[in-house]
Amino acid sequence: WFGNPFALPARLSDAAQDSEALHRV
């Protein structure tokens, strides 16, 4: 939620990648 608000969609997209899903487990 921090940083450039216009870049928020990109940050959310990165957070939903397969690599992050694996890291969370």
PDB file of all heavy atoms in Angstrom:
ATOM      1  N   TRP A   1       0.809  -1.217   0.000  1.00  0.00           N
ATOM      2  CA  TRP A   1       0.000   0.000   0.000  1.00  0.00           C
ATOM      3  C   TRP A   1       0.849   1.277   0.000  1.00  0.00           C
ATOM      4  O   TRP A   1       0.316   2.375  -0.166  1.00  0.00           O
ATOM      5  CB  TRP A   1      -0.948   0.022   1.203  1.00  0.00           C
ATOM      6  CG  TRP A   1      -1.735  -1.242   1.341  1.00  0.00           C
ATOM      7  CD1 TRP A   1      -1.755  -2.087   2.393  1.00  0.00           C
ATOM      8  CD2 TRP A   1      -2.617  -1.823   0.363  1.00  0.00           C
ATOM      9  NE1 TRP A   1      -2.578  -3.151   2.160  1.00  0.00           N
ATOM     10  CE2 TRP A   1      -3.123  -3.026   0.921  1.00  0.00           C
ATOM     11  CE3 TRP A   1      -3.022  -1.452  -0.923  1.00  0.00           C
ATOM     12  CZ2 TRP A   1      -4.025  -3.844   0.232  1.00  0.00           C
ATOM     13  CZ3 TRP A   1      -3.913  -2.278  -1.607  1.00  0.00           C
ATOM     14  CH2 TRP A   1      -4.397  -3.447  -1.028  1.00  0.00           C
ATOM     15  N   PHE A   2       2.165   1.122   0.189  1.00  0.00           N
ATOM     16  CA  PHE A   2       3.044   2.283   0.228  1.00  0.00           C
ATOM     17  C   PHE A   2       3.720   2.488  -1.123  1.00  0.00           C
ATOM     18  O   PHE A   2       3.899   1.549  -1.891  1.00  0.00           O
ATOM     19  CB  PHE A   2       4.099   2.127   1.329  1.00  0.00           C
ATOM     20  CG  PHE A   2       3.501   1.968   2.702  1.00  0.00           C
ATOM     21  CD1 PHE A   2       3.402   0.710   3.290  1.00  0.00           C
ATOM     22  CD2 PHE A   2       3.019   3.058   3.392  1.00  0.00           C
ATOM     23  CE1 PHE A   2       2.844   0.561   4.537  1.00  0.00           C
ATOM     24  CE2 PHE A   2       2.454   2.911   4.656  1.00  0.00           C
ATOM     25  CZ  PHE A   2       2.370   1.660   5.226  1.00  0.00           C
ATOM     26  N   GLY A   3       4.108   3.727  -1.402  1.00  0.00           N
ATOM     27  CA  GLY A   3       4.765   4.036  -2.663  1.00  0.00           C
ATOM     28  C   GLY A   3       3.829   4.734  -3.634  1.00  0.00           C
ATOM     29  O   GLY A   3       2.732   5.185  -3.278  1.00  0.00           O
ATOM     30  N   ASN A   4       4.254   4.815  -4.865  1.00  0.00           N
ATOM     31  CA  ASN A   4       3.498   5.499  -5.915  1.00  0.00           C
ATOM     32  C   ASN A   4       2.128   4.831  -6.094  1.00  0.00           C
ATOM     33  O   ASN A   4       2.048   3.653  -6.445  1.00  0.00           O
ATOM     34  CB  ASN A   4       4.282   5.439  -7.222  1.00  0.00           C
ATOM     35  CG  ASN A   4       3.635   6.247  -8.336  1.00  0.00           C
ATOM     36  OD1 ASN A   4       2.446   6.551  -8.281  1.00  0.00           O
ATOM     37  ND2 ASN A   4       4.416   6.577  -9.346  1.00  0.00           N
ATOM     38  N   PRO A   5       1.022   5.568  -5.865  1.00  0.00           N
ATOM     39  CA  PRO A   5      -0.303   4.956  -6.002  1.00  0.00           C
ATOM     40  C   PRO A   5      -0.610   4.478  -7.416  1.00  0.00           C
ATOM     41  O   PRO A   5      -1.380   3.543  -7.608  1.00  0.00           O
ATOM     42  CB  PRO A   5      -1.261   6.069  -5.565  1.00  0.00           C
ATOM     43  CG  PRO A   5      -0.493   7.335  -5.728  1.00  0.00           C
ATOM     44  CD  PRO A   5       0.937   6.981  -5.450  1.00  0.00           C
ATOM     45  N   PHE A   6       0.011   5.100  -8.406  1.00  0.00           N
ATOM     46  CA  PHE A   6      -0.232   4.695  -9.788  1.00  0.00           C
ATOM     47  C   PHE A   6       0.426   3.348 -10.106  1.00  0.00           C
ATOM     48  O   PHE A   6       0.069   2.698 -11.080  1.00  0.00           O
ATOM     49  CB  PHE A   6       0.272   5.764 -10.755  1.00  0.00           C
ATOM     50  CG  PHE A   6      -0.468   7.063 -10.641  1.00  0.00           C
ATOM     51  CD1 PHE A   6       0.099   8.150 -10.003  1.00  0.00           C
ATOM     52  CD2 PHE A   6      -1.756   7.196 -11.147  1.00  0.00           C
ATOM     53  CE1 PHE A   6      -0.591   9.348  -9.886  1.00  0.00           C
ATOM     54  CE2 PHE A   6      -2.450   8.388 -11.032  1.00  0.00           C
ATOM     55  CZ  PHE A   6      -1.870   9.464 -10.401  1.00  0.00           C
ATOM     56  N   ALA A   7       1.386   2.971  -9.273  1.00  0.00           N
ATOM     57  CA  ALA A   7       2.069   1.687  -9.469  1.00  0.00           C
ATOM     58  C   ALA A   7       1.434   0.569  -8.644  1.00  0.00           C
ATOM     59  O   ALA A   7       1.900  -0.571  -8.682  1.00  0.00           O
ATOM     60  CB  ALA A   7       3.545   1.806  -9.109  1.00  0.00           C
ATOM     61  N   LEU A   8       0.353   0.893  -7.907  1.00  0.00           N
ATOM     62  CA  LEU A   8      -0.285  -0.106  -7.063  1.00  0.00           C
ATOM     63  C   LEU A   8      -0.777  -1.318  -7.849  1.00  0.00           C
ATOM     64  O   LEU A   8      -0.553  -2.463  -7.424  1.00  0.00           O
ATOM     65  CB  LEU A   8      -1.437   0.518  -6.273  1.00  0.00           C
ATOM     66  CG  LEU A   8      -2.242  -0.444  -5.384  1.00  0.00           C
ATOM     67  CD1 LEU A   8      -1.346  -1.104  -4.342  1.00  0.00           C
ATOM     68  CD2 LEU A   8      -3.399   0.287  -4.711  1.00  0.00           C
ATOM     69  N   PRO A   9      -1.446  -1.137  -9.008  1.00  0.00           N
ATOM     70  CA  PRO A   9      -1.876  -2.324  -9.756  1.00  0.00           C
ATOM     71  C   PRO A   9      -0.729  -3.261 -10.098  1.00  0.00           C
ATOM     72  O   PRO A   9      -0.880  -4.492 -10.031  1.00  0.00           O
ATOM     73  CB  PRO A   9      -2.526  -1.734 -11.017  1.00  0.00           C
ATOM     74  CG  PRO A   9      -2.992  -0.376 -10.595  1.00  0.00           C
ATOM     75  CD  PRO A   9      -1.937   0.107  -9.644  1.00  0.00           C
ATOM     76  N   ALA A  10       0.418  -2.701 -10.444  1.00  0.00           N
ATOM     77  CA  ALA A  10       1.580  -3.535 -10.768  1.00  0.00           C
ATOM     78  C   ALA A  10       2.075  -4.273  -9.537  1.00  0.00           C
ATOM     79  O   ALA A  10       2.450  -5.457  -9.612  1.00  0.00           O
ATOM     80  CB  ALA A  10       2.692  -2.677 -11.357  1.00  0.00           C
ATOM     81  N   ARG A  11       2.067  -3.595  -8.380  1.00  0.00           N
ATOM     82  CA  ARG A  11       2.523  -4.246  -7.146  1.00  0.00           C
ATOM     83  C   ARG A  11       1.575  -5.380  -6.758  1.00  0.00           C
ATOM     84  O   ARG A  11       2.011  -6.451  -6.314  1.00  0.00           O
ATOM     85  CB  ARG A  11       2.634  -3.225  -6.012  1.00  0.00           C
ATOM     86  CG  ARG A  11       3.724  -2.181  -6.214  1.00  0.00           C
ATOM     87  CD  ARG A  11       4.071  -1.459  -4.924  1.00  0.00           C
ATOM     88  NE  ARG A  11       2.973  -0.670  -4.393  1.00  0.00           N
ATOM     89  CZ  ARG A  11       2.720   0.595  -4.713  1.00  0.00           C
ATOM     90  NH1 ARG A  11       3.498   1.217  -5.611  1.00  0.00           N
ATOM     91  NH2 ARG A  11       1.714   1.259  -4.170  1.00  0.00           N
ATOM     92  N   LEU A  12       0.279  -5.142  -6.918  1.00  0.00           N
ATOM     93  CA  LEU A  12      -0.696  -6.192  -6.615  1.00  0.00           C
ATOM     94  C   LEU A  12      -0.543  -7.384  -7.556  1.00  0.00           C
ATOM     95  O   LEU A  12      -0.649  -8.541  -7.148  1.00  0.00           O
ATOM     96  CB  LEU A  12      -2.117  -5.633  -6.710  1.00  0.00           C
ATOM     97  CG  LEU A  12      -2.530  -4.630  -5.630  1.00  0.00           C
ATOM     98  CD1 LEU A  12      -3.878  -4.014  -5.968  1.00  0.00           C
ATOM     99  CD2 LEU A  12      -2.572  -5.289  -4.258  1.00  0.00           C
ATOM    100  N   SER A  13      -0.275  -7.082  -8.821  1.00  0.00           N
ATOM    101  CA  SER A  13      -0.080  -8.152  -9.807  1.00  0.00           C
ATOM    102  C   SER A  13       1.146  -8.987  -9.460  1.00  0.00           C
ATOM    103  O   SER A  13       1.116 -10.225  -9.519  1.00  0.00           O
ATOM    104  CB  SER A  13       0.059  -7.554 -11.212  1.00  0.00           C
ATOM    105  OG  SER A  13       0.293  -8.568 -12.166  1.00  0.00           O
ATOM    106  N   ASP A  14       2.235  -8.327  -9.064  1.00  0.00           N
ATOM    107  CA  ASP A  14       3.447  -9.048  -8.683  1.00  0.00           C
ATOM    108  C   ASP A  14       3.196  -9.941  -7.469  1.00  0.00           C
ATOM    109  O   ASP A  14       3.713 -11.058  -7.378  1.00  0.00           O
ATOM    110  CB  ASP A  14       4.574  -8.065  -8.369  1.00  0.00           C
ATOM    111  CG  ASP A  14       5.117  -7.363  -9.615  1.00  0.00           C
ATOM    112  OD1 ASP A  14       4.845  -7.858 -10.730  1.00  0.00           O
ATOM    113  OD2 ASP A  14       5.777  -6.324  -9.463  1.00  0.00           O
ATOM    114  N   ALA A  15       2.385  -9.440  -6.533  1.00  0.00           N
ATOM    115  CA  ALA A  15       2.113 -10.189  -5.310  1.00  0.00           C
ATOM    116  C   ALA A  15       1.273 -11.428  -5.573  1.00  0.00           C
ATOM    117  O   ALA A  15       1.225 -12.335  -4.734  1.00  0.00           O
ATOM    118  CB  ALA A  15       1.414  -9.296  -4.295  1.00  0.00           C
ATOM    119  N   ALA A  16       0.596 -11.466  -6.716  1.00  0.00           N
ATOM    120  CA  ALA A  16      -0.277 -12.599  -7.034  1.00  0.00           C
ATOM    121  C   ALA A  16       0.398 -13.613  -7.959  1.00  0.00           C
ATOM    122  O   ALA A  16      -0.263 -14.534  -8.448  1.00  0.00           O
ATOM    123  CB  ALA A  16      -1.567 -12.092  -7.673  1.00  0.00           C
ATOM    124  N   GLN A  17       1.683 -13.461  -8.200  1.00  0.00           N
ATOM    125  CA  GLN A  17       2.389 -14.383  -9.084  1.00  0.00           C
ATOM    126  C   GLN A  17       2.584 -15.752  -8.420  1.00  0.00           C
ATOM    127  O   GLN A  17       2.552 -15.882  -7.187  1.00  0.00           O
ATOM    128  CB  GLN A  17       3.756 -13.804  -9.473  1.00  0.00           C
ATOM    129  CG  GLN A  17       3.683 -12.519 -10.276  1.00  0.00           C
ATOM    130  CD  GLN A  17       2.924 -12.695 -11.588  1.00  0.00           C
ATOM    131  OE1 GLN A  17       3.195 -13.621 -12.348  1.00  0.00           O
ATOM    132  NE2 GLN A  17       1.973 -11.808 -11.833  1.00  0.00           N
ATOM    133  N   ASP A  18       2.808 -16.764  -9.254  1.00  0.00           N
ATOM    134  CA  ASP A  18       3.013 -18.117  -8.747  1.00  0.00           C
ATOM    135  C   ASP A  18       4.177 -18.175  -7.757  1.00  0.00           C
ATOM    136  O   ASP A  18       4.119 -18.919  -6.769  1.00  0.00           O
ATOM    137  CB  ASP A  18       3.291 -19.085  -9.899  1.00  0.00           C
ATOM    138  CG  ASP A  18       2.065 -19.348 -10.753  1.00  0.00           C
ATOM    139  OD1 ASP A  18       0.964 -18.918 -10.347  1.00  0.00           O
ATOM    140  OD2 ASP A  18       2.207 -19.960 -11.823  1.00  0.00           O
ATOM    141  N   SER A  19       5.235 -17.407  -8.026  1.00  0.00           N
ATOM    142  CA  SER A  19       6.407 -17.440  -7.153  1.00  0.00           C
ATOM    143  C   SER A  19       6.061 -16.989  -5.740  1.00  0.00           C
ATOM    144  O   SER A  19       6.530 -17.571  -4.755  1.00  0.00           O
ATOM    145  CB  SER A  19       7.523 -16.563  -7.730  1.00  0.00           C
ATOM    146  OG  SER A  19       7.069 -15.229  -7.898  1.00  0.00           O
ATOM    147  N   GLU A  20       5.224 -15.946  -5.625  1.00  0.00           N
ATOM    148  CA  GLU A  20       4.827 -15.482  -4.293  1.00  0.00           C
ATOM    149  C   GLU A  20       3.890 -16.477  -3.632  1.00  0.00           C
ATOM    150  O   GLU A  20       3.971 -16.700  -2.416  1.00  0.00           O
ATOM    151  CB  GLU A  20       4.167 -14.103  -4.382  1.00  0.00           C
ATOM    152  CG  GLU A  20       3.595 -13.583  -3.074  1.00  0.00           C
ATOM    153  CD  GLU A  20       4.619 -13.443  -1.956  1.00  0.00           C
ATOM    154  OE1 GLU A  20       5.838 -13.439  -2.229  1.00  0.00           O
ATOM    155  OE2 GLU A  20       4.196 -13.346  -0.778  1.00  0.00           O
ATOM    156  N   ALA A  21       3.003 -17.088  -4.393  1.00  0.00           N
ATOM    157  CA  ALA A  21       2.116 -18.104  -3.827  1.00  0.00           C
ATOM    158  C   ALA A  21       2.937 -19.242  -3.221  1.00  0.00           C
ATOM    159  O   ALA A  21       2.606 -19.762  -2.142  1.00  0.00           O
ATOM    160  CB  ALA A  21       1.175 -18.637  -4.906  1.00  0.00           C
ATOM    161  N   LEU A  22       4.010 -19.636  -3.900  1.00  0.00           N
ATOM    162  CA  LEU A  22       4.899 -20.674  -3.390  1.00  0.00           C
ATOM    163  C   LEU A  22       5.622 -20.206  -2.135  1.00  0.00           C
ATOM    164  O   LEU A  22       5.713 -20.935  -1.137  1.00  0.00           O
ATOM    165  CB  LEU A  22       5.905 -21.073  -4.470  1.00  0.00           C
ATOM    166  CG  LEU A  22       6.990 -22.068  -4.068  1.00  0.00           C
ATOM    167  CD1 LEU A  22       6.366 -23.384  -3.629  1.00  0.00           C
ATOM    168  CD2 LEU A  22       7.965 -22.293  -5.215  1.00  0.00           C
ATOM    169  N   HIS A  23       6.127 -18.969  -2.158  1.00  0.00           N
ATOM    170  CA  HIS A  23       6.835 -18.425  -0.993  1.00  0.00           C
ATOM    171  C   HIS A  23       5.928 -18.376   0.229  1.00  0.00           C
ATOM    172  O   HIS A  23       6.380 -18.631   1.358  1.00  0.00           O
ATOM    173  CB  HIS A  23       7.360 -17.026  -1.299  1.00  0.00           C
ATOM    174  CG  HIS A  23       8.690 -17.016  -1.988  1.00  0.00           C
ATOM    175  ND1 HIS A  23       9.808 -17.632  -1.453  1.00  0.00           N
ATOM    176  CD2 HIS A  23       9.098 -16.447  -3.155  1.00  0.00           C
ATOM    177  CE1 HIS A  23      10.843 -17.453  -2.260  1.00  0.00           C
ATOM    178  NE2 HIS A  23      10.432 -16.749  -3.299  1.00  0.00           N
ATOM    179  N   ARG A  24       4.673 -18.053   0.031  1.00  0.00           N
ATOM    180  CA  ARG A  24       3.760 -17.961   1.160  1.00  0.00           C
ATOM    181  C   ARG A  24       3.608 -19.309   1.867  1.00  0.00           C
ATOM    182  O   ARG A  24       3.588 -19.380   3.098  1.00  0.00           O
ATOM    183  CB  ARG A  24       2.394 -17.441   0.687  1.00  0.00           C
ATOM    184  CG  ARG A  24       2.399 -15.967   0.319  1.00  0.00           C
ATOM    185  CD  ARG A  24       1.069 -15.557  -0.301  1.00  0.00           C
ATOM    186  NE  ARG A  24      -0.026 -15.648   0.647  1.00  0.00           N
ATOM    187  CZ  ARG A  24      -0.492 -14.627   1.363  1.00  0.00           C
ATOM    188  NH1 ARG A  24       0.045 -13.417   1.234  1.00  0.00           N
ATOM    189  NH2 ARG A  24      -1.501 -14.786   2.190  1.00  0.00           N
ATOM    190  N   VAL A  25       3.499 -20.379   1.096  1.00  0.00           N
ATOM    191  CA  VAL A  25       3.426 -21.710   1.704  1.00  0.00           C
ATOM    192  C   VAL A  25       4.727 -22.020   2.443  1.00  0.00           C
ATOM    193  O   VAL A  25       4.716 -22.541   3.565  1.00  0.00           O
ATOM    194  CB  VAL A  25       3.138 -22.782   0.640  1.00  0.00           C
ATOM    195  CG1 VAL A  25       3.115 -24.171   1.279  1.00  0.00           C
ATOM    196  CG2 VAL A  25       1.810 -22.508  -0.056  1.00  0.00           C
TER     197      VAL A  25
END
